[in-house]
Amino acid sequence: MNTTHRLRILAIVSLAVIGTLAGCRDTMPHSFTWPTSGDTIPTHPKPPEGGYYTDWDPYAATLEVTPVKDVNLVRTQHVLIATVRDKQGQPLPNRRVEWVIADGGVGDIIQVD
């Protein structure tokens, strides 16, 4: 084989390897997907004016979180159950409740040893 033929084969193999590895990246810009802002989650209709109430549920009247009070050991998990209810007090199915914990706001410390 002459040098030109070897260089041509090397170039083709190199492009194939680079093209294959480009599709294996986890971050954008990803060569084989269109950049999106994340998963599309179907929810209730949003108000046309936007603003603070863009993610407001028009049927939700109250939010019940149980248990109201509890004591846990350090480094343990705790399960809270949130129920969204309508005006008649009936639970609304398939409602998403998002929990946000601010820095230093994970709970009240009653006693420190």
N, C-alpha and C. Protein backbone atom coordinates (compact mmCIF):
# COMPACT_ATOMS: atom_id res chain seq x y z
N MET A 1 0.84 -1.18 0.00
CA MET A 1 0.00 0.00 0.00
C MET A 1 0.88 1.24 0.00
N ASN A 2 0.43 2.21 -0.73
CA ASN A 2 1.23 3.44 -0.74
C ASN A 2 0.80 4.37 0.39
N THR A 3 1.54 5.42 0.58
CA THR A 3 1.34 6.34 1.69
C THR A 3 0.00 7.07 1.59
N THR A 4 -0.40 7.45 0.40
CA THR A 4 -1.67 8.16 0.23
C THR A 4 -2.85 7.29 0.65
N HIS A 5 -2.81 6.02 0.28
CA HIS A 5 -3.89 5.10 0.63
C HIS A 5 -3.95 4.90 2.16
N ARG A 6 -2.80 4.78 2.80
CA ARG A 6 -2.75 4.62 4.25
C ARG A 6 -3.29 5.86 4.97
N LEU A 7 -2.92 7.04 4.49
CA LEU A 7 -3.41 8.28 5.09
C LEU A 7 -4.93 8.41 4.93
N ARG A 8 -5.43 7.99 3.78
CA ARG A 8 -6.87 8.04 3.53
C ARG A 8 -7.61 7.10 4.49
N ILE A 9 -7.10 5.90 4.69
CA ILE A 9 -7.71 4.94 5.62
C ILE A 9 -7.64 5.46 7.05
N LEU A 10 -6.50 6.02 7.44
CA LEU A 10 -6.34 6.59 8.77
C LEU A 10 -7.32 7.74 9.00
N ALA A 11 -7.53 8.58 7.99
CA ALA A 11 -8.46 9.70 8.12
C ALA A 11 -9.89 9.20 8.28
N ILE A 12 -10.27 8.18 7.51
CA ILE A 12 -11.63 7.63 7.60
C ILE A 12 -11.87 6.99 8.96
N VAL A 13 -10.90 6.22 9.46
CA VAL A 13 -11.04 5.58 10.77
C VAL A 13 -11.09 6.64 11.87
N SER A 14 -10.27 7.67 11.77
CA SER A 14 -10.26 8.74 12.77
C SER A 14 -11.60 9.47 12.80
N LEU A 15 -12.16 9.79 11.63
CA LEU A 15 -13.45 10.45 11.59
C LEU A 15 -14.56 9.57 12.15
N ALA A 16 -14.49 8.27 11.90
CA ALA A 16 -15.50 7.35 12.43
C ALA A 16 -15.43 7.30 13.95
N VAL A 17 -14.21 7.25 14.51
CA VAL A 17 -14.05 7.21 15.97
C VAL A 17 -14.51 8.52 16.60
N ILE A 18 -14.13 9.64 16.03
CA ILE A 18 -14.53 10.95 16.57
C ILE A 18 -16.04 11.12 16.47
N GLY A 19 -16.64 10.71 15.35
CA GLY A 19 -18.09 10.81 15.19
C GLY A 19 -18.84 9.95 16.18
N THR A 20 -18.31 8.76 16.47
CA THR A 20 -18.95 7.88 17.43
C THR A 20 -18.84 8.43 18.84
N LEU A 21 -17.67 8.92 19.22
CA LEU A 21 -17.47 9.45 20.56
C LEU A 21 -18.22 10.76 20.79
N ALA A 22 -18.47 11.52 19.73
CA ALA A 22 -19.20 12.78 19.89
C ALA A 22 -20.63 12.54 20.36
N GLY A 23 -21.21 11.41 20.02
CA GLY A 23 -22.56 11.10 20.46
C GLY A 23 -22.64 10.57 21.87
N CYS A 24 -21.52 10.34 22.54
CA CYS A 24 -21.50 9.76 23.88
C CYS A 24 -21.38 10.81 24.98
N ARG A 25 -21.36 12.08 24.63
CA ARG A 25 -21.21 13.11 25.65
C ARG A 25 -22.51 13.31 26.40
N ASP A 26 -22.42 13.70 27.66
CA ASP A 26 -23.59 13.93 28.50
C ASP A 26 -24.00 15.39 28.56
N THR A 27 -23.15 16.29 28.11
CA THR A 27 -23.43 17.71 28.23
C THR A 27 -23.62 18.32 26.85
N MET A 28 -24.24 19.48 26.83
CA MET A 28 -24.43 20.19 25.57
C MET A 28 -23.15 20.95 25.25
N PRO A 29 -22.78 21.21 24.05
CA PRO A 29 -23.56 20.89 22.86
C PRO A 29 -23.40 19.43 22.48
N HIS A 30 -24.50 18.73 22.43
CA HIS A 30 -24.52 17.33 22.06
C HIS A 30 -24.78 17.27 20.56
N SER A 31 -24.02 16.50 19.86
CA SER A 31 -24.09 16.55 18.41
C SER A 31 -25.32 15.90 17.82
N PHE A 32 -26.02 15.05 18.56
CA PHE A 32 -27.14 14.33 17.97
C PHE A 32 -28.49 14.70 18.55
N THR A 33 -28.59 15.75 19.37
CA THR A 33 -29.87 16.17 19.91
C THR A 33 -30.03 17.67 19.74
N TRP A 34 -31.27 18.11 19.71
CA TRP A 34 -31.55 19.53 19.67
C TRP A 34 -31.53 20.05 21.10
N PRO A 35 -30.82 21.15 21.38
CA PRO A 35 -30.76 21.64 22.76
C PRO A 35 -32.14 22.09 23.24
N THR A 36 -32.57 21.54 24.36
CA THR A 36 -33.86 21.89 24.95
C THR A 36 -33.64 22.40 26.36
N SER A 37 -34.70 22.88 26.96
CA SER A 37 -34.59 23.40 28.32
C SER A 37 -34.89 22.34 29.37
N GLY A 38 -35.08 21.10 28.97
CA GLY A 38 -35.35 20.04 29.93
C GLY A 38 -36.53 19.20 29.51
N ASP A 39 -37.01 18.37 30.41
CA ASP A 39 -38.14 17.51 30.12
C ASP A 39 -39.42 18.34 30.01
N THR A 40 -40.30 17.93 29.12
CA THR A 40 -41.60 18.57 28.99
C THR A 40 -42.56 17.88 29.94
N ILE A 41 -43.07 18.64 30.90
CA ILE A 41 -43.98 18.09 31.90
C ILE A 41 -45.35 18.71 31.67
N PRO A 42 -46.36 17.89 31.28
CA PRO A 42 -47.69 18.46 31.07
C PRO A 42 -48.32 18.87 32.40
N THR A 43 -48.80 20.09 32.48
CA THR A 43 -49.43 20.60 33.70
C THR A 43 -50.71 21.32 33.31
N HIS A 44 -51.30 22.02 34.24
CA HIS A 44 -52.52 22.78 33.99
C HIS A 44 -52.21 24.00 33.13
N PRO A 45 -53.24 24.62 32.52
CA PRO A 45 -53.01 25.80 31.70
C PRO A 45 -52.44 26.96 32.51
N LYS A 46 -51.55 27.70 31.91
CA LYS A 46 -50.90 28.83 32.57
C LYS A 46 -51.63 30.13 32.23
N PRO A 47 -51.67 31.11 33.15
CA PRO A 47 -52.26 32.41 32.82
C PRO A 47 -51.47 33.09 31.71
N PRO A 48 -52.13 33.80 30.79
CA PRO A 48 -51.42 34.39 29.66
C PRO A 48 -50.46 35.51 30.06
N GLU A 49 -50.72 36.17 31.19
CA GLU A 49 -49.85 37.28 31.58
C GLU A 49 -48.56 36.82 32.27
N GLY A 50 -48.46 35.55 32.64
CA GLY A 50 -47.25 35.05 33.29
C GLY A 50 -47.13 35.56 34.70
N GLY A 51 -45.90 35.81 35.14
CA GLY A 51 -45.67 36.34 36.47
C GLY A 51 -45.64 35.29 37.55
N TYR A 52 -45.91 35.72 38.79
CA TYR A 52 -45.80 34.86 39.96
C TYR A 52 -46.77 33.69 39.90
N TYR A 53 -47.98 33.90 39.39
CA TYR A 53 -49.00 32.85 39.41
C TYR A 53 -48.98 31.97 38.16
N THR A 54 -47.86 31.93 37.46
CA THR A 54 -47.76 31.10 36.27
C THR A 54 -47.95 29.63 36.60
N ASP A 55 -47.49 29.20 37.75
CA ASP A 55 -47.62 27.79 38.12
C ASP A 55 -48.69 27.61 39.20
N TRP A 56 -49.76 28.33 39.09
CA TRP A 56 -50.83 28.30 40.08
C TRP A 56 -51.89 27.31 39.65
N ASP A 57 -52.40 26.50 40.56
CA ASP A 57 -53.45 25.52 40.29
C ASP A 57 -54.79 26.15 40.67
N PRO A 58 -55.70 26.38 39.72
CA PRO A 58 -56.96 27.08 40.03
C PRO A 58 -57.91 26.28 40.91
N TYR A 59 -57.75 24.96 41.01
CA TYR A 59 -58.66 24.14 41.80
C TYR A 59 -58.15 23.90 43.21
N ALA A 60 -56.89 24.17 43.47
CA ALA A 60 -56.31 23.92 44.79
C ALA A 60 -56.78 24.99 45.77
N ALA A 61 -57.28 24.55 46.92
CA ALA A 61 -57.72 25.49 47.95
C ALA A 61 -56.84 25.41 49.19
N THR A 62 -56.46 24.19 49.59
CA THR A 62 -55.63 24.03 50.78
C THR A 62 -54.55 23.00 50.53
N LEU A 63 -53.52 23.07 51.34
CA LEU A 63 -52.43 22.11 51.30
C LEU A 63 -52.27 21.55 52.70
N GLU A 64 -52.34 20.24 52.82
CA GLU A 64 -52.19 19.58 54.12
C GLU A 64 -50.89 18.79 54.11
N VAL A 65 -50.03 19.06 55.07
CA VAL A 65 -48.76 18.34 55.19
C VAL A 65 -48.77 17.58 56.50
N THR A 66 -48.53 16.28 56.43
CA THR A 66 -48.50 15.44 57.63
C THR A 66 -47.19 14.69 57.69
N PRO A 67 -46.65 14.44 58.85
CA PRO A 67 -47.07 14.88 60.18
C PRO A 67 -46.70 16.35 60.39
N VAL A 68 -47.51 17.01 61.22
CA VAL A 68 -47.27 18.43 61.50
C VAL A 68 -46.03 18.61 62.37
N LYS A 69 -45.86 17.75 63.37
CA LYS A 69 -44.69 17.79 64.26
C LYS A 69 -44.10 16.40 64.35
N ASP A 70 -42.79 16.34 64.42
CA ASP A 70 -42.12 15.05 64.57
C ASP A 70 -40.70 15.30 65.05
N VAL A 71 -40.11 14.28 65.64
CA VAL A 71 -38.73 14.34 66.12
C VAL A 71 -37.96 13.23 65.42
N ASN A 72 -36.82 13.58 64.85
CA ASN A 72 -35.99 12.60 64.13
C ASN A 72 -34.57 12.63 64.66
N LEU A 73 -33.92 11.50 64.53
CA LEU A 73 -32.50 11.44 64.85
C LEU A 73 -31.71 12.15 63.76
N VAL A 74 -30.49 12.54 64.09
CA VAL A 74 -29.62 13.19 63.12
C VAL A 74 -29.28 12.21 62.01
N ARG A 75 -29.21 12.71 60.79
CA ARG A 75 -28.87 11.94 59.59
C ARG A 75 -29.86 10.81 59.29
N THR A 76 -31.12 11.04 59.57
CA THR A 76 -32.14 10.07 59.20
C THR A 76 -33.07 10.71 58.17
N GLN A 77 -33.75 9.87 57.43
CA GLN A 77 -34.70 10.37 56.45
C GLN A 77 -36.06 10.53 57.10
N HIS A 78 -36.83 11.46 56.56
CA HIS A 78 -38.16 11.72 57.09
C HIS A 78 -39.12 11.85 55.91
N VAL A 79 -40.25 11.20 56.00
CA VAL A 79 -41.24 11.24 54.92
C VAL A 79 -42.36 12.20 55.31
N LEU A 80 -42.61 13.17 54.44
CA LEU A 80 -43.74 14.08 54.60
C LEU A 80 -44.74 13.78 53.50
N ILE A 81 -46.01 13.80 53.83
CA ILE A 81 -47.05 13.55 52.84
C ILE A 81 -47.85 14.83 52.66
N ALA A 82 -47.90 15.31 51.42
CA ALA A 82 -48.64 16.52 51.10
C ALA A 82 -49.90 16.14 50.34
N THR A 83 -51.02 16.71 50.76
CA THR A 83 -52.30 16.48 50.09
C THR A 83 -52.87 17.82 49.68
N VAL A 84 -53.11 17.99 48.39
CA VAL A 84 -53.73 19.20 47.87
C VAL A 84 -55.23 18.95 47.82
N ARG A 85 -56.00 19.87 48.42
CA ARG A 85 -57.46 19.69 48.50
C ARG A 85 -58.18 20.84 47.79
N ASP A 86 -59.39 20.56 47.30
CA ASP A 86 -60.21 21.58 46.66
C ASP A 86 -61.07 22.30 47.69
N LYS A 87 -62.01 23.15 47.24
CA LYS A 87 -62.86 23.92 48.16
C LYS A 87 -63.74 23.05 49.04
N GLN A 88 -64.14 21.90 48.54
CA GLN A 88 -64.98 20.99 49.32
C GLN A 88 -64.18 20.08 50.24
N GLY A 89 -62.86 20.20 50.24
CA GLY A 89 -62.01 19.37 51.09
C GLY A 89 -61.65 18.03 50.49
N GLN A 90 -61.99 17.83 49.22
CA GLN A 90 -61.67 16.58 48.54
C GLN A 90 -60.24 16.62 48.02
N PRO A 91 -59.47 15.54 48.19
CA PRO A 91 -58.10 15.52 47.67
C PRO A 91 -58.10 15.56 46.15
N LEU A 92 -57.20 16.34 45.59
CA LEU A 92 -57.04 16.43 44.14
C LEU A 92 -55.97 15.44 43.69
N PRO A 93 -56.27 14.60 42.71
CA PRO A 93 -55.30 13.59 42.28
C PRO A 93 -54.19 14.18 41.41
N ASN A 94 -53.05 13.53 41.44
CA ASN A 94 -51.91 13.83 40.56
C ASN A 94 -51.46 15.28 40.63
N ARG A 95 -51.40 15.83 41.82
CA ARG A 95 -50.89 17.19 41.98
C ARG A 95 -49.44 17.12 42.42
N ARG A 96 -48.63 17.97 41.84
CA ARG A 96 -47.20 17.99 42.17
C ARG A 96 -46.96 19.06 43.23
N VAL A 97 -46.25 18.70 44.28
CA VAL A 97 -45.87 19.64 45.33
C VAL A 97 -44.35 19.70 45.32
N GLU A 98 -43.83 20.89 45.20
CA GLU A 98 -42.38 21.06 45.12
C GLU A 98 -41.86 21.57 46.46
N TRP A 99 -40.84 20.91 46.98
CA TRP A 99 -40.27 21.27 48.27
C TRP A 99 -39.00 22.06 48.03
N VAL A 100 -38.88 23.19 48.69
CA VAL A 100 -37.68 24.01 48.59
C VAL A 100 -37.17 24.24 50.00
N ILE A 101 -35.91 23.90 50.22
CA ILE A 101 -35.30 24.10 51.54
C ILE A 101 -34.24 25.17 51.39
N ALA A 102 -34.39 26.25 52.12
CA ALA A 102 -33.43 27.34 52.07
C ALA A 102 -32.20 26.99 52.90
N ASP A 103 -31.10 27.68 52.63
CA ASP A 103 -29.89 27.45 53.41
C ASP A 103 -30.15 27.74 54.88
N GLY A 104 -29.84 26.78 55.72
CA GLY A 104 -30.02 26.95 57.15
C GLY A 104 -31.47 26.85 57.60
N GLY A 105 -32.36 26.45 56.73
CA GLY A 105 -33.77 26.40 57.09
C GLY A 105 -34.36 25.01 57.05
N VAL A 106 -33.60 24.01 57.46
CA VAL A 106 -34.10 22.64 57.37
C VAL A 106 -35.00 22.28 58.53
N GLY A 107 -35.07 23.07 59.56
CA GLY A 107 -35.92 22.75 60.69
C GLY A 107 -35.56 23.59 61.89
N ASP A 108 -36.29 23.37 62.95
CA ASP A 108 -36.02 24.08 64.19
C ASP A 108 -35.20 23.19 65.11
N ILE A 109 -34.12 23.72 65.64
CA ILE A 109 -33.30 22.98 66.59
C ILE A 109 -33.78 23.35 67.99
N ILE A 110 -34.31 22.37 68.70
CA ILE A 110 -34.85 22.62 70.03
C ILE A 110 -33.76 22.60 71.09
N GLN A 111 -32.89 21.61 71.01
CA GLN A 111 -31.86 21.45 72.03
C GLN A 111 -30.57 21.01 71.37
N VAL A 112 -29.46 21.61 71.77
CA VAL A 112 -28.15 21.25 71.23
C VAL A 112 -27.32 20.69 72.36
N ASP A 113 -26.72 19.51 72.14
CA ASP A 113 -25.86 18.89 73.17
C ASP A 113 -24.49 19.50 73.18
